[in-house]
Amino acid sequence: MSKFLFVYHAPMTPAEAAPAPEDMAAVMAEWNAWAAKVGDGMVDFGTPLANGVRVSPGGATAPSQREVAGYSLIEAENVEAALELAKQHPHLNMPGGCEIEVHEAQQIPGM
Protein backbone atom coordinates (compact mmCIF):
# COMPACT_ATOMS: atom_id res chain seq x y z
CA MET A 1 0.00 0.00 0.00
CA SER A 2 1.14 3.51 -0.80
CA LYS A 3 0.10 6.81 0.74
CA PHE A 4 -1.47 9.53 -1.38
CA LEU A 5 -2.05 13.15 -0.51
CA PHE A 6 -5.24 14.64 -1.96
CA VAL A 7 -4.95 18.41 -2.24
CA TYR A 8 -8.31 20.13 -2.73
CA HIS A 9 -8.40 23.32 -4.78
CA ALA A 10 -11.46 25.56 -4.72
CA PRO A 11 -12.27 29.22 -4.94
CA MET A 12 -12.62 30.56 -1.43
CA THR A 13 -16.18 31.43 -0.43
CA PRO A 14 -16.51 35.00 0.84
CA ALA A 15 -17.70 35.16 4.44
CA GLU A 16 -20.88 36.99 3.43
CA ALA A 17 -21.82 34.08 1.15
CA ALA A 18 -21.29 31.30 3.70
CA PRO A 19 -23.55 28.30 3.06
CA ALA A 20 -26.61 27.66 5.19
CA PRO A 21 -26.10 25.09 7.99
CA GLU A 22 -28.38 22.57 6.27
CA ASP A 23 -26.39 22.93 3.04
CA MET A 24 -23.12 22.39 4.93
CA ALA A 25 -24.61 19.31 6.60
CA ALA A 26 -25.56 17.89 3.19
CA VAL A 27 -22.06 18.50 1.82
CA MET A 28 -20.45 16.89 4.87
CA ALA A 29 -22.75 13.88 4.47
CA GLU A 30 -21.38 13.44 0.93
CA TRP A 31 -17.79 13.73 2.17
CA ASN A 32 -18.45 11.22 4.96
CA ALA A 33 -20.02 8.79 2.47
CA TRP A 34 -16.89 9.10 0.31
CA ALA A 35 -14.68 8.52 3.39
CA ALA A 36 -16.69 5.35 4.10
CA LYS A 37 -15.76 4.11 0.58
CA VAL A 38 -12.10 4.71 1.40
CA GLY A 39 -12.60 2.71 4.59
CA ASP A 40 -9.44 1.62 6.42
CA GLY A 41 -7.36 3.42 3.80
CA MET A 42 -8.26 6.78 5.36
CA VAL A 43 -5.08 7.84 7.14
CA ASP A 44 -6.13 11.45 7.81
CA PHE A 45 -9.52 12.84 6.72
CA GLY A 46 -7.92 16.28 6.71
CA THR A 47 -9.30 19.71 7.41
CA PRO A 48 -10.13 22.90 5.54
CA LEU A 49 -7.16 25.20 4.93
CA ALA A 50 -6.98 28.95 4.38
CA ASN A 51 -4.57 31.88 4.13
CA GLY A 52 -1.70 30.03 2.44
CA VAL A 53 1.65 31.81 2.41
CA ARG A 54 4.70 31.01 0.24
CA VAL A 55 8.11 31.36 1.87
CA SER A 56 11.10 31.84 -0.46
CA PRO A 57 14.71 30.85 0.32
CA GLY A 58 15.57 34.42 1.35
CA GLY A 59 12.71 34.47 3.84
CA ALA A 60 10.38 36.64 1.77
CA THR A 61 6.71 35.77 2.03
CA ALA A 62 3.82 36.20 -0.36
CA PRO A 63 0.26 34.90 -0.58
CA SER A 64 -0.05 31.42 -2.05
CA GLN A 65 -0.57 31.49 -5.80
CA ARG A 66 -3.25 28.80 -5.66
CA GLU A 67 -6.22 28.42 -3.33
CA VAL A 68 -5.75 25.21 -1.34
CA ALA A 69 -9.05 24.43 0.32
CA GLY A 70 -7.96 21.33 2.23
CA TYR A 71 -6.32 17.92 2.10
CA SER A 72 -6.79 14.23 2.87
CA LEU A 73 -4.18 11.50 3.27
CA ILE A 74 -5.18 8.03 2.14
CA GLU A 75 -3.61 4.65 1.52
CA ALA A 76 -4.36 2.84 -1.72
CA GLU A 77 -2.97 -0.15 -3.56
CA ASN A 78 -1.56 2.00 -6.37
CA VAL A 79 -1.94 5.35 -8.13
CA GLU A 80 -4.76 4.03 -10.31
CA ALA A 81 -6.80 3.11 -7.21
CA ALA A 82 -6.09 6.51 -5.66
CA LEU A 83 -7.15 8.30 -8.85
CA GLU A 84 -10.36 6.28 -8.98
CA LEU A 85 -11.19 7.43 -5.45
CA ALA A 86 -10.42 11.03 -6.45
CA LYS A 87 -12.73 10.78 -9.47
CA GLN A 88 -15.59 9.77 -7.14
CA HIS A 89 -14.94 12.55 -4.63
CA PRO A 90 -17.84 14.98 -3.93
CA HIS A 91 -15.40 17.90 -3.94
CA LEU A 92 -15.49 17.74 -7.75
CA ASN A 93 -19.25 18.48 -7.68
CA MET A 94 -18.83 21.74 -5.80
CA PRO A 95 -19.36 24.98 -7.76
CA GLY A 96 -16.57 27.17 -9.02
CA GLY A 97 -14.22 24.77 -10.78
CA CYS A 98 -13.01 22.64 -7.88
CA GLU A 99 -10.11 20.27 -8.53
CA ILE A 100 -8.15 17.60 -6.69
CA GLU A 101 -4.42 17.00 -7.02
CA VAL A 102 -3.22 13.51 -6.10
CA HIS A 103 0.40 13.14 -4.96
CA GLU A 104 2.05 9.84 -4.06
CA ALA A 105 4.18 9.94 -0.92
CA GLN A 106 7.72 8.77 -1.70
CA GLN A 107 10.01 6.82 0.57
CA ILE A 108 12.95 8.77 1.95
CA PRO A 109 16.16 6.81 1.35
CA GLY A 110 17.70 5.55 4.56
CA MET A 111 14.60 6.15 6.68
C-alpha atoms as a PDB file:
ATOM      1  CA  MET A   1       0.000   0.000   0.000  1.00  0.00           C
ATOM      2  CA  SER A   2       1.141   3.512  -0.798  1.00  0.00           C
ATOM      3  CA  LYS A   3       0.095   6.811   0.740  1.00  0.00           C
ATOM      4  CA  PHE A   4      -1.465   9.529  -1.382  1.00  0.00           C
ATOM      5  CA  LEU A   5      -2.049  13.153  -0.512  1.00  0.00           C
ATOM      6  CA  PHE A   6      -5.238  14.635  -1.960  1.00  0.00           C
ATOM      7  CA  VAL A   7      -4.951  18.414  -2.241  1.00  0.00           C
ATOM      8  CA  TYR A   8      -8.308  20.129  -2.727  1.00  0.00           C
ATOM      9  CA  HIS A   9      -8.400  23.323  -4.777  1.00  0.00           C
ATOM     10  CA  ALA A  10     -11.465  25.556  -4.718  1.00  0.00           C
ATOM     11  CA  PRO A  11     -12.274  29.217  -4.940  1.00  0.00           C
ATOM     12  CA  MET A  12     -12.619  30.564  -1.425  1.00  0.00           C
ATOM     13  CA  THR A  13     -16.179  31.434  -0.431  1.00  0.00           C
ATOM     14  CA  PRO A  14     -16.507  35.002   0.838  1.00  0.00           C
ATOM     15  CA  ALA A  15     -17.705  35.158   4.445  1.00  0.00           C
ATOM     16  CA  GLU A  16     -20.879  36.993   3.431  1.00  0.00           C
ATOM     17  CA  ALA A  17     -21.815  34.078   1.149  1.00  0.00           C
ATOM     18  CA  ALA A  18     -21.295  31.302   3.701  1.00  0.00           C
ATOM     19  CA  PRO A  19     -23.550  28.302   3.057  1.00  0.00           C
ATOM     20  CA  ALA A  20     -26.612  27.661   5.186  1.00  0.00           C
ATOM     21  CA  PRO A  21     -26.103  25.086   7.985  1.00  0.00           C
ATOM     22  CA  GLU A  22     -28.384  22.566   6.269  1.00  0.00           C
ATOM     23  CA  ASP A  23     -26.391  22.933   3.035  1.00  0.00           C
ATOM     24  CA  MET A  24     -23.124  22.393   4.931  1.00  0.00           C
ATOM     25  CA  ALA A  25     -24.608  19.313   6.605  1.00  0.00           C
ATOM     26  CA  ALA A  26     -25.561  17.888   3.193  1.00  0.00           C
ATOM     27  CA  VAL A  27     -22.060  18.505   1.818  1.00  0.00           C
ATOM     28  CA  MET A  28     -20.446  16.889   4.867  1.00  0.00           C
ATOM     29  CA  ALA A  29     -22.751  13.877   4.473  1.00  0.00           C
ATOM     30  CA  GLU A  30     -21.384  13.441   0.932  1.00  0.00           C
ATOM     31  CA  TRP A  31     -17.787  13.735   2.173  1.00  0.00           C
ATOM     32  CA  ASN A  32     -18.450  11.221   4.962  1.00  0.00           C
ATOM     33  CA  ALA A  33     -20.021   8.786   2.468  1.00  0.00           C
ATOM     34  CA  TRP A  34     -16.888   9.104   0.313  1.00  0.00           C
ATOM     35  CA  ALA A  35     -14.683   8.518   3.386  1.00  0.00           C
ATOM     36  CA  ALA A  36     -16.691   5.354   4.099  1.00  0.00           C
ATOM     37  CA  LYS A  37     -15.764   4.113   0.579  1.00  0.00           C
ATOM     38  CA  VAL A  38     -12.096   4.709   1.397  1.00  0.00           C
ATOM     39  CA  GLY A  39     -12.598   2.706   4.594  1.00  0.00           C
ATOM     40  CA  ASP A  40      -9.444   1.619   6.423  1.00  0.00           C
ATOM     41  CA  GLY A  41      -7.365   3.415   3.799  1.00  0.00           C
ATOM     42  CA  MET A  42      -8.262   6.776   5.357  1.00  0.00           C
ATOM     43  CA  VAL A  43      -5.079   7.845   7.140  1.00  0.00           C
ATOM     44  CA  ASP A  44      -6.130  11.455   7.806  1.00  0.00           C
ATOM     45  CA  PHE A  45      -9.520  12.839   6.717  1.00  0.00           C
ATOM     46  CA  GLY A  46      -7.921  16.276   6.713  1.00  0.00           C
ATOM     47  CA  THR A  47      -9.297  19.708   7.414  1.00  0.00           C
ATOM     48  CA  PRO A  48     -10.130  22.901   5.537  1.00  0.00           C
ATOM     49  CA  LEU A  49      -7.161  25.198   4.932  1.00  0.00           C
ATOM     50  CA  ALA A  50      -6.982  28.948   4.380  1.00  0.00           C
ATOM     51  CA  ASN A  51      -4.571  31.879   4.132  1.00  0.00           C
ATOM     52  CA  GLY A  52      -1.700  30.025   2.443  1.00  0.00           C
ATOM     53  CA  VAL A  53       1.647  31.814   2.409  1.00  0.00           C
ATOM     54  CA  ARG A  54       4.698  31.006   0.244  1.00  0.00           C
ATOM     55  CA  VAL A  55       8.113  31.360   1.870  1.00  0.00           C
ATOM     56  CA  SER A  56      11.099  31.838  -0.463  1.00  0.00           C
ATOM     57  CA  PRO A  57      14.705  30.849   0.323  1.00  0.00           C
ATOM     58  CA  GLY A  58      15.565  34.418   1.346  1.00  0.00           C
ATOM     59  CA  GLY A  59      12.709  34.466   3.844  1.00  0.00           C
ATOM     60  CA  ALA A  60      10.383  36.639   1.768  1.00  0.00           C
ATOM     61  CA  THR A  61       6.706  35.768   2.035  1.00  0.00           C
ATOM     62  CA  ALA A  62       3.816  36.197  -0.361  1.00  0.00           C
ATOM     63  CA  PRO A  63       0.261  34.902  -0.580  1.00  0.00           C
ATOM     64  CA  SER A  64      -0.046  31.423  -2.047  1.00  0.00           C
ATOM     65  CA  GLN A  65      -0.573  31.486  -5.796  1.00  0.00           C
ATOM     66  CA  ARG A  66      -3.254  28.798  -5.660  1.00  0.00           C
ATOM     67  CA  GLU A  67      -6.220  28.416  -3.327  1.00  0.00           C
ATOM     68  CA  VAL A  68      -5.746  25.213  -1.343  1.00  0.00           C
ATOM     69  CA  ALA A  69      -9.050  24.428   0.317  1.00  0.00           C
ATOM     70  CA  GLY A  70      -7.960  21.330   2.225  1.00  0.00           C
ATOM     71  CA  TYR A  71      -6.324  17.915   2.097  1.00  0.00           C
ATOM     72  CA  SER A  72      -6.791  14.232   2.872  1.00  0.00           C
ATOM     73  CA  LEU A  73      -4.180  11.504   3.269  1.00  0.00           C
ATOM     74  CA  ILE A  74      -5.177   8.025   2.145  1.00  0.00           C
ATOM     75  CA  GLU A  75      -3.607   4.648   1.525  1.00  0.00           C
ATOM     76  CA  ALA A  76      -4.360   2.844  -1.717  1.00  0.00           C
ATOM     77  CA  GLU A  77      -2.974  -0.152  -3.563  1.00  0.00           C
ATOM     78  CA  ASN A  78      -1.560   1.998  -6.374  1.00  0.00           C
ATOM     79  CA  VAL A  79      -1.936   5.355  -8.125  1.00  0.00           C
ATOM     80  CA  GLU A  80      -4.759   4.028 -10.308  1.00  0.00           C
ATOM     81  CA  ALA A  81      -6.798   3.106  -7.211  1.00  0.00           C
ATOM     82  CA  ALA A  82      -6.093   6.508  -5.659  1.00  0.00           C
ATOM     83  CA  LEU A  83      -7.147   8.299  -8.848  1.00  0.00           C
ATOM     84  CA  GLU A  84     -10.360   6.280  -8.978  1.00  0.00           C
ATOM     85  CA  LEU A  85     -11.186   7.433  -5.446  1.00  0.00           C
ATOM     86  CA  ALA A  86     -10.417  11.033  -6.449  1.00  0.00           C
ATOM     87  CA  LYS A  87     -12.727  10.781  -9.472  1.00  0.00           C
ATOM     88  CA  GLN A  88     -15.589   9.772  -7.143  1.00  0.00           C
ATOM     89  CA  HIS A  89     -14.939  12.554  -4.630  1.00  0.00           C
ATOM     90  CA  PRO A  90     -17.844  14.980  -3.935  1.00  0.00           C
ATOM     91  CA  HIS A  91     -15.396  17.902  -3.935  1.00  0.00           C
ATOM     92  CA  LEU A  92     -15.493  17.743  -7.745  1.00  0.00           C
ATOM     93  CA  ASN A  93     -19.250  18.482  -7.682  1.00  0.00           C
ATOM     94  CA  MET A  94     -18.832  21.743  -5.803  1.00  0.00           C
ATOM     95  CA  PRO A  95     -19.355  24.979  -7.760  1.00  0.00           C
ATOM     96  CA  GLY A  96     -16.567  27.172  -9.020  1.00  0.00           C
ATOM     97  CA  GLY A  97     -14.224  24.770 -10.782  1.00  0.00           C
ATOM     98  CA  CYS A  98     -13.006  22.639  -7.880  1.00  0.00           C
ATOM     99  CA  GLU A  99     -10.109  20.273  -8.527  1.00  0.00           C
ATOM    100  CA  ILE A 100      -8.152  17.600  -6.690  1.00  0.00           C
ATOM    101  CA  GLU A 101      -4.415  17.004  -7.024  1.00  0.00           C
ATOM    102  CA  VAL A 102      -3.216  13.514  -6.098  1.00  0.00           C
ATOM    103  CA  HIS A 103       0.398  13.144  -4.962  1.00  0.00           C
ATOM    104  CA  GLU A 104       2.050   9.842  -4.064  1.00  0.00           C
ATOM    105  CA  ALA A 105       4.180   9.937  -0.917  1.00  0.00           C
ATOM    106  CA  GLN A 106       7.716   8.769  -1.698  1.00  0.00           C
ATOM    107  CA  GLN A 107      10.012   6.818   0.573  1.00  0.00           C
ATOM    108  CA  ILE A 108      12.952   8.774   1.951  1.00  0.00           C
ATOM    109  CA  PRO A 109      16.163   6.814   1.351  1.00  0.00           C
ATOM    110  CA  GLY A 110      17.697   5.546   4.557  1.00  0.00           C
ATOM    111  CA  MET A 111      14.603   6.152   6.680  1.00  0.00           C
END
